[in-house]
ModelCIF file with pLDDT and N, C-alpha, C, O atoms, coordinates in Angstrom:
data_MODEL
#
_entry.id   MODEL 
#
_entity.id                         1 
_entity.type                       polymer 
_entity.pdbx_number_of_molecules   1 
#
_entity_poly.entity_id                      1 
_entity_poly.type                           'polypeptide(L)' 
_entity_poly.nstd_linkage                   no 
_entity_poly.nstd_monomer                   no 
_entity_poly.pdbx_seq_one_letter_code       RGALTTFSIANDIAKYFAILPALFASIYPQLGV 
_entity_poly.pdbx_seq_one_letter_code_can   RGALTTFSIANDIAKYFAILPALFASIYPQLGV 
_entity_poly.pdbx_strand_id                 A 
#
loop_
_entity_poly_seq.entity_id 
_entity_poly_seq.num 
_entity_poly_seq.mon_id 
_entity_poly_seq.hetero 
1 1  ARG n 
1 2  GLY n 
1 3  ALA n 
1 4  LEU n 
1 5  THR n 
1 6  THR n 
1 7  PHE n 
1 8  SER n 
1 9  ILE n 
1 10 ALA n 
1 11 ASN n 
1 12 ASP n 
1 13 ILE n 
1 14 ALA n 
1 15 LYS n 
1 16 TYR n 
1 17 PHE n 
1 18 ALA n 
1 19 ILE n 
1 20 LEU n 
1 21 PRO n 
1 22 ALA n 
1 23 LEU n 
1 24 PHE n 
1 25 ALA n 
1 26 SER n 
1 27 ILE n 
1 28 TYR n 
1 29 PRO n 
1 30 GLN n 
1 31 LEU n 
1 32 GLY n 
1 33 VAL n 
#
_struct_asym.id          A 
_struct_asym.entity_id   1 
#
loop_
_ma_qa_metric.id 
_ma_qa_metric.mode 
_ma_qa_metric.name 
_ma_qa_metric.software_group_id 
_ma_qa_metric.type 
1 global pLDDT . pLDDT 
2 local  pLDDT . pLDDT 
#
_ma_qa_metric_global.metric_id      1 
_ma_qa_metric_global.metric_value   82.18 
_ma_qa_metric_global.model_id       1 
_ma_qa_metric_global.ordinal_id     1 
#
loop_
_ma_qa_metric_local.label_asym_id 
_ma_qa_metric_local.label_comp_id 
_ma_qa_metric_local.label_seq_id 
_ma_qa_metric_local.metric_id 
_ma_qa_metric_local.metric_value 
_ma_qa_metric_local.model_id 
_ma_qa_metric_local.ordinal_id 
A ARG 1  2 89.00 1 1  
A GLY 2  2 88.00 1 2  
A ALA 3  2 90.00 1 3  
A LEU 4  2 90.00 1 4  
A THR 5  2 90.00 1 5  
A THR 6  2 90.00 1 6  
A PHE 7  2 91.00 1 7  
A SER 8  2 89.00 1 8  
A ILE 9  2 87.00 1 9  
A ALA 10 2 89.00 1 10 
A ASN 11 2 85.00 1 11 
A ASP 12 2 80.00 1 12 
A ILE 13 2 82.00 1 13 
A ALA 14 2 82.00 1 14 
A LYS 15 2 80.00 1 15 
A TYR 16 2 79.00 1 16 
A PHE 17 2 81.00 1 17 
A ALA 18 2 82.00 1 18 
A ILE 19 2 81.00 1 19 
A LEU 20 2 79.00 1 20 
A PRO 21 2 82.00 1 21 
A ALA 22 2 79.00 1 22 
A LEU 23 2 77.00 1 23 
A PHE 24 2 79.00 1 24 
A ALA 25 2 73.00 1 25 
A SER 26 2 74.00 1 26 
A ILE 27 2 79.00 1 27 
A TYR 28 2 78.00 1 28 
A PRO 29 2 78.00 1 29 
A GLN 30 2 78.00 1 30 
A LEU 31 2 75.00 1 31 
A GLY 32 2 77.00 1 32 
A VAL 33 2 79.00 1 33 
#
loop_
_atom_site.group_PDB 
_atom_site.id 
_atom_site.type_symbol 
_atom_site.label_atom_id 
_atom_site.label_alt_id 
_atom_site.label_comp_id 
_atom_site.label_asym_id 
_atom_site.label_entity_id 
_atom_site.label_seq_id 
_atom_site.pdbx_PDB_ins_code 
_atom_site.Cartn_x 
_atom_site.Cartn_y 
_atom_site.Cartn_z 
_atom_site.occupancy 
_atom_site.B_iso_or_equiv 
_atom_site.pdbx_formal_charge 
_atom_site.auth_seq_id 
_atom_site.auth_comp_id 
_atom_site.auth_asym_id 
_atom_site.auth_atom_id 
_atom_site.pdbx_PDB_model_num 
ATOM 1   N N  . ARG A 1 1  ? 97.041  133.167 87.033  1.00 89.00 ? 1  ARG A N  1 
ATOM 2   C CA . ARG A 1 1  ? 96.896  131.845 86.412  1.00 89.00 ? 1  ARG A CA 1 
ATOM 3   C C  . ARG A 1 1  ? 97.680  130.951 87.260  1.00 89.00 ? 1  ARG A C  1 
ATOM 4   O O  . ARG A 1 1  ? 97.175  130.423 88.251  1.00 89.00 ? 1  ARG A O  1 
ATOM 5   N N  . GLY A 1 2  ? 98.642  130.799 86.986  1.00 88.00 ? 2  GLY A N  1 
ATOM 6   C CA . GLY A 1 2  ? 99.567  129.902 87.980  1.00 88.00 ? 2  GLY A CA 1 
ATOM 7   C C  . GLY A 1 2  ? 99.807  129.747 88.462  1.00 88.00 ? 2  GLY A C  1 
ATOM 8   O O  . GLY A 1 2  ? 100.636 128.836 88.451  1.00 88.00 ? 2  GLY A O  1 
ATOM 9   N N  . ALA A 1 3  ? 99.356  130.575 89.963  1.00 90.00 ? 3  ALA A N  1 
ATOM 10  C CA . ALA A 1 3  ? 99.070  130.279 91.150  1.00 90.00 ? 3  ALA A CA 1 
ATOM 11  C C  . ALA A 1 3  ? 97.180  129.375 91.457  1.00 90.00 ? 3  ALA A C  1 
ATOM 12  O O  . ALA A 1 3  ? 96.796  128.627 92.356  1.00 90.00 ? 3  ALA A O  1 
ATOM 13  N N  . LEU A 1 4  ? 96.611  129.825 90.477  1.00 90.00 ? 4  LEU A N  1 
ATOM 14  C CA . LEU A 1 4  ? 94.805  129.564 90.580  1.00 90.00 ? 4  LEU A CA 1 
ATOM 15  C C  . LEU A 1 4  ? 95.464  128.107 90.287  1.00 90.00 ? 4  LEU A C  1 
ATOM 16  O O  . LEU A 1 4  ? 95.903  127.602 91.320  1.00 90.00 ? 4  LEU A O  1 
ATOM 17  N N  . THR A 1 5  ? 95.615  127.403 89.254  1.00 90.00 ? 5  THR A N  1 
ATOM 18  C CA . THR A 1 5  ? 96.105  126.256 88.051  1.00 90.00 ? 5  THR A CA 1 
ATOM 19  C C  . THR A 1 5  ? 96.507  125.656 88.941  1.00 90.00 ? 5  THR A C  1 
ATOM 20  O O  . THR A 1 5  ? 95.805  124.763 89.414  1.00 90.00 ? 5  THR A O  1 
ATOM 21  N N  . THR A 1 6  ? 98.063  126.006 89.593  1.00 90.00 ? 6  THR A N  1 
ATOM 22  C CA . THR A 1 6  ? 98.181  125.200 91.047  1.00 90.00 ? 6  THR A CA 1 
ATOM 23  C C  . THR A 1 6  ? 97.663  124.578 91.948  1.00 90.00 ? 6  THR A C  1 
ATOM 24  O O  . THR A 1 6  ? 97.838  123.361 91.892  1.00 90.00 ? 6  THR A O  1 
ATOM 25  N N  . PHE A 1 7  ? 96.926  125.060 92.993  1.00 91.00 ? 7  PHE A N  1 
ATOM 26  C CA . PHE A 1 7  ? 96.262  125.408 93.600  1.00 91.00 ? 7  PHE A CA 1 
ATOM 27  C C  . PHE A 1 7  ? 94.735  124.573 92.851  1.00 91.00 ? 7  PHE A C  1 
ATOM 28  O O  . PHE A 1 7  ? 94.356  123.793 93.725  1.00 91.00 ? 7  PHE A O  1 
ATOM 29  N N  . SER A 1 8  ? 94.070  124.496 91.992  1.00 89.00 ? 8  SER A N  1 
ATOM 30  C CA . SER A 1 8  ? 93.415  123.454 91.731  1.00 89.00 ? 8  SER A CA 1 
ATOM 31  C C  . SER A 1 8  ? 93.842  122.362 91.042  1.00 89.00 ? 8  SER A C  1 
ATOM 32  O O  . SER A 1 8  ? 93.224  121.324 91.282  1.00 89.00 ? 8  SER A O  1 
ATOM 33  N N  . ILE A 1 9  ? 94.574  122.318 90.388  1.00 87.00 ? 9  ILE A N  1 
ATOM 34  C CA . ILE A 1 9  ? 95.142  120.541 90.187  1.00 87.00 ? 9  ILE A CA 1 
ATOM 35  C C  . ILE A 1 9  ? 95.323  120.100 92.156  1.00 87.00 ? 9  ILE A C  1 
ATOM 36  O O  . ILE A 1 9  ? 94.569  119.446 92.877  1.00 87.00 ? 9  ILE A O  1 
ATOM 37  N N  . ALA A 1 10 ? 96.381  120.665 92.410  1.00 89.00 ? 10 ALA A N  1 
ATOM 38  C CA . ALA A 1 10 ? 96.714  119.954 94.358  1.00 89.00 ? 10 ALA A CA 1 
ATOM 39  C C  . ALA A 1 10 ? 95.534  119.586 95.102  1.00 89.00 ? 10 ALA A C  1 
ATOM 40  O O  . ALA A 1 10 ? 95.652  118.822 96.060  1.00 89.00 ? 10 ALA A O  1 
ATOM 41  N N  . ASN A 1 11 ? 94.138  120.156 94.686  1.00 85.00 ? 11 ASN A N  1 
ATOM 42  C CA . ASN A 1 11 ? 92.802  119.848 95.381  1.00 85.00 ? 11 ASN A CA 1 
ATOM 43  C C  . ASN A 1 11 ? 92.218  118.431 95.007  1.00 85.00 ? 11 ASN A C  1 
ATOM 44  O O  . ASN A 1 11 ? 91.570  117.751 95.803  1.00 85.00 ? 11 ASN A O  1 
ATOM 45  N N  . ASP A 1 12 ? 92.584  117.971 93.414  1.00 80.00 ? 12 ASP A N  1 
ATOM 46  C CA . ASP A 1 12 ? 92.905  116.558 93.039  1.00 80.00 ? 12 ASP A CA 1 
ATOM 47  C C  . ASP A 1 12 ? 92.754  115.778 94.407  1.00 80.00 ? 12 ASP A C  1 
ATOM 48  O O  . ASP A 1 12 ? 91.851  115.062 94.840  1.00 80.00 ? 12 ASP A O  1 
ATOM 49  N N  . ILE A 1 13 ? 93.821  116.130 94.866  1.00 82.00 ? 13 ILE A N  1 
ATOM 50  C CA . ILE A 1 13 ? 94.648  114.935 95.684  1.00 82.00 ? 13 ILE A CA 1 
ATOM 51  C C  . ILE A 1 13 ? 93.806  114.291 96.583  1.00 82.00 ? 13 ILE A C  1 
ATOM 52  O O  . ILE A 1 13 ? 93.635  113.072 96.536  1.00 82.00 ? 13 ILE A O  1 
ATOM 53  N N  . ALA A 1 14 ? 92.943  115.445 97.885  1.00 82.00 ? 14 ALA A N  1 
ATOM 54  C CA . ALA A 1 14 ? 92.382  115.266 98.619  1.00 82.00 ? 14 ALA A CA 1 
ATOM 55  C C  . ALA A 1 14 ? 90.664  114.455 98.064  1.00 82.00 ? 14 ALA A C  1 
ATOM 56  O O  . ALA A 1 14 ? 90.292  113.502 98.749  1.00 82.00 ? 14 ALA A O  1 
ATOM 57  N N  . LYS A 1 15 ? 90.203  114.680 97.457  1.00 80.00 ? 15 LYS A N  1 
ATOM 58  C CA . LYS A 1 15 ? 89.579  114.602 96.439  1.00 80.00 ? 15 LYS A CA 1 
ATOM 59  C C  . LYS A 1 15 ? 89.205  113.133 96.207  1.00 80.00 ? 15 LYS A C  1 
ATOM 60  O O  . LYS A 1 15 ? 88.125  112.594 96.451  1.00 80.00 ? 15 LYS A O  1 
ATOM 61  N N  . TYR A 1 16 ? 90.801  112.359 95.461  1.00 79.00 ? 16 TYR A N  1 
ATOM 62  C CA . TYR A 1 16 ? 90.685  110.892 95.608  1.00 79.00 ? 16 TYR A CA 1 
ATOM 63  C C  . TYR A 1 16 ? 90.789  110.029 96.746  1.00 79.00 ? 16 TYR A C  1 
ATOM 64  O O  . TYR A 1 16 ? 90.529  108.826 96.711  1.00 79.00 ? 16 TYR A O  1 
ATOM 65  N N  . PHE A 1 17 ? 91.158  110.638 97.716  1.00 81.00 ? 17 PHE A N  1 
ATOM 66  C CA . PHE A 1 17 ? 91.112  110.108 99.619  1.00 81.00 ? 17 PHE A CA 1 
ATOM 67  C C  . PHE A 1 17 ? 89.865  110.574 100.038 1.00 81.00 ? 17 PHE A C  1 
ATOM 68  O O  . PHE A 1 17 ? 89.892  110.380 101.253 1.00 81.00 ? 17 PHE A O  1 
ATOM 69  N N  . ALA A 1 18 ? 88.432  111.238 99.663  1.00 82.00 ? 18 ALA A N  1 
ATOM 70  C CA . ALA A 1 18 ? 87.681  111.101 99.677  1.00 82.00 ? 18 ALA A CA 1 
ATOM 71  C C  . ALA A 1 18 ? 86.550  110.404 98.604  1.00 82.00 ? 18 ALA A C  1 
ATOM 72  O O  . ALA A 1 18 ? 85.487  109.934 99.009  1.00 82.00 ? 18 ALA A O  1 
ATOM 73  N N  . ILE A 1 19 ? 86.872  110.413 97.461  1.00 81.00 ? 19 ILE A N  1 
ATOM 74  C CA . ILE A 1 19 ? 85.434  109.990 97.106  1.00 81.00 ? 19 ILE A CA 1 
ATOM 75  C C  . ILE A 1 19 ? 85.865  108.729 96.623  1.00 81.00 ? 19 ILE A C  1 
ATOM 76  O O  . ILE A 1 19 ? 85.024  107.837 96.733  1.00 81.00 ? 19 ILE A O  1 
ATOM 77  N N  . LEU A 1 20 ? 86.845  108.449 96.169  1.00 79.00 ? 20 LEU A N  1 
ATOM 78  C CA . LEU A 1 20 ? 87.319  106.893 96.105  1.00 79.00 ? 20 LEU A CA 1 
ATOM 79  C C  . LEU A 1 20 ? 87.615  105.496 96.502  1.00 79.00 ? 20 LEU A C  1 
ATOM 80  O O  . LEU A 1 20 ? 87.902  104.453 95.916  1.00 79.00 ? 20 LEU A O  1 
ATOM 81  N N  . PRO A 1 21 ? 87.335  106.095 98.408  1.00 82.00 ? 21 PRO A N  1 
ATOM 82  C CA . PRO A 1 21 ? 86.838  105.173 99.089  1.00 82.00 ? 21 PRO A CA 1 
ATOM 83  C C  . PRO A 1 21 ? 85.152  104.378 99.184  1.00 82.00 ? 21 PRO A C  1 
ATOM 84  O O  . PRO A 1 21 ? 84.590  103.295 99.347  1.00 82.00 ? 21 PRO A O  1 
ATOM 85  N N  . ALA A 1 22 ? 84.924  105.758 98.961  1.00 79.00 ? 22 ALA A N  1 
ATOM 86  C CA . ALA A 1 22 ? 82.747  105.909 99.241  1.00 79.00 ? 22 ALA A CA 1 
ATOM 87  C C  . ALA A 1 22 ? 82.835  105.557 97.919  1.00 79.00 ? 22 ALA A C  1 
ATOM 88  O O  . ALA A 1 22 ? 83.435  106.607 97.691  1.00 79.00 ? 22 ALA A O  1 
ATOM 89  N N  . LEU A 1 23 ? 82.799  105.185 97.144  1.00 77.00 ? 23 LEU A N  1 
ATOM 90  C CA . LEU A 1 23 ? 82.505  104.595 95.466  1.00 77.00 ? 23 LEU A CA 1 
ATOM 91  C C  . LEU A 1 23 ? 82.736  103.069 95.814  1.00 77.00 ? 23 LEU A C  1 
ATOM 92  O O  . LEU A 1 23 ? 81.938  102.133 95.868  1.00 77.00 ? 23 LEU A O  1 
ATOM 93  N N  . PHE A 1 24 ? 83.492  103.107 95.936  1.00 79.00 ? 24 PHE A N  1 
ATOM 94  C CA . PHE A 1 24 ? 84.045  101.124 96.179  1.00 79.00 ? 24 PHE A CA 1 
ATOM 95  C C  . PHE A 1 24 ? 84.075  100.351 97.283  1.00 79.00 ? 24 PHE A C  1 
ATOM 96  O O  . PHE A 1 24 ? 84.454  99.188  97.419  1.00 79.00 ? 24 PHE A O  1 
ATOM 97  N N  . ALA A 1 25 ? 83.480  101.395 98.328  1.00 73.00 ? 25 ALA A N  1 
ATOM 98  C CA . ALA A 1 25 ? 83.512  100.516 99.664  1.00 73.00 ? 25 ALA A CA 1 
ATOM 99  C C  . ALA A 1 25 ? 82.857  99.458  99.548  1.00 73.00 ? 25 ALA A C  1 
ATOM 100 O O  . ALA A 1 25 ? 83.171  98.342  99.963  1.00 73.00 ? 25 ALA A O  1 
ATOM 101 N N  . SER A 1 26 ? 81.724  99.838  98.858  1.00 74.00 ? 26 SER A N  1 
ATOM 102 C CA . SER A 1 26 ? 80.664  98.054  98.864  1.00 74.00 ? 26 SER A CA 1 
ATOM 103 C C  . SER A 1 26 ? 81.617  96.721  98.209  1.00 74.00 ? 26 SER A C  1 
ATOM 104 O O  . SER A 1 26 ? 81.835  95.541  98.482  1.00 74.00 ? 26 SER A O  1 
ATOM 105 N N  . ILE A 1 27 ? 82.047  97.810  97.094  1.00 79.00 ? 27 ILE A N  1 
ATOM 106 C CA . ILE A 1 27 ? 83.310  96.908  95.933  1.00 79.00 ? 27 ILE A CA 1 
ATOM 107 C C  . ILE A 1 27 ? 84.719  96.149  96.316  1.00 79.00 ? 27 ILE A C  1 
ATOM 108 O O  . ILE A 1 27 ? 85.051  94.964  96.295  1.00 79.00 ? 27 ILE A O  1 
ATOM 109 N N  . TYR A 1 28 ? 85.335  97.256  96.644  1.00 78.00 ? 28 TYR A N  1 
ATOM 110 C CA . TYR A 1 28 ? 86.614  96.761  97.062  1.00 78.00 ? 28 TYR A CA 1 
ATOM 111 C C  . TYR A 1 28 ? 86.258  97.161  98.925  1.00 78.00 ? 28 TYR A C  1 
ATOM 112 O O  . TYR A 1 28 ? 86.346  98.345  99.251  1.00 78.00 ? 28 TYR A O  1 
ATOM 113 N N  . PRO A 1 29 ? 85.960  96.338  99.773  1.00 78.00 ? 29 PRO A N  1 
ATOM 114 C CA . PRO A 1 29 ? 86.753  97.231  101.141 1.00 78.00 ? 29 PRO A CA 1 
ATOM 115 C C  . PRO A 1 29 ? 87.963  97.693  101.650 1.00 78.00 ? 29 PRO A C  1 
ATOM 116 O O  . PRO A 1 29 ? 88.117  98.557  102.512 1.00 78.00 ? 29 PRO A O  1 
ATOM 117 N N  . GLN A 1 30 ? 88.942  96.955  100.962 1.00 78.00 ? 30 GLN A N  1 
ATOM 118 C CA . GLN A 1 30 ? 90.170  97.398  101.328 1.00 78.00 ? 30 GLN A CA 1 
ATOM 119 C C  . GLN A 1 30 ? 90.680  98.549  100.855 1.00 78.00 ? 30 GLN A C  1 
ATOM 120 O O  . GLN A 1 30 ? 91.738  99.062  101.221 1.00 78.00 ? 30 GLN A O  1 
ATOM 121 N N  . LEU A 1 31 ? 89.597  99.141  99.678  1.00 75.00 ? 31 LEU A N  1 
ATOM 122 C CA . LEU A 1 31 ? 89.673  100.426 100.111 1.00 75.00 ? 31 LEU A CA 1 
ATOM 123 C C  . LEU A 1 31 ? 89.364  101.566 101.134 1.00 75.00 ? 31 LEU A C  1 
ATOM 124 O O  . LEU A 1 31 ? 89.657  102.733 101.399 1.00 75.00 ? 31 LEU A O  1 
ATOM 125 N N  . GLY A 1 32 ? 88.742  100.718 101.469 1.00 77.00 ? 32 GLY A N  1 
ATOM 126 C CA . GLY A 1 32 ? 88.632  101.683 103.126 1.00 77.00 ? 32 GLY A CA 1 
ATOM 127 C C  . GLY A 1 32 ? 89.550  102.651 103.776 1.00 77.00 ? 32 GLY A C  1 
ATOM 128 O O  . GLY A 1 32 ? 89.243  103.785 104.142 1.00 77.00 ? 32 GLY A O  1 
ATOM 129 N N  . VAL A 1 33 ? 91.032  101.920 103.908 1.00 79.00 ? 33 VAL A N  1 
ATOM 130 C CA . VAL A 1 33 ? 91.935  102.403 104.281 1.00 79.00 ? 33 VAL A CA 1 
ATOM 131 C C  . VAL A 1 33 ? 93.051  103.406 103.437 1.00 79.00 ? 33 VAL A C  1 
ATOM 132 O O  . VAL A 1 33 ? 94.028  103.871 104.023 1.00 79.00 ? 33 VAL A O  1 
#
């Protein structure tokens, strides 16, 4: 349980870099970095 919980929460870091720039690319072009 602990191992997969750790893995699940750590997954979110990559998703921030994938989705947030895509969502706000047209509003805040600077987030493209």
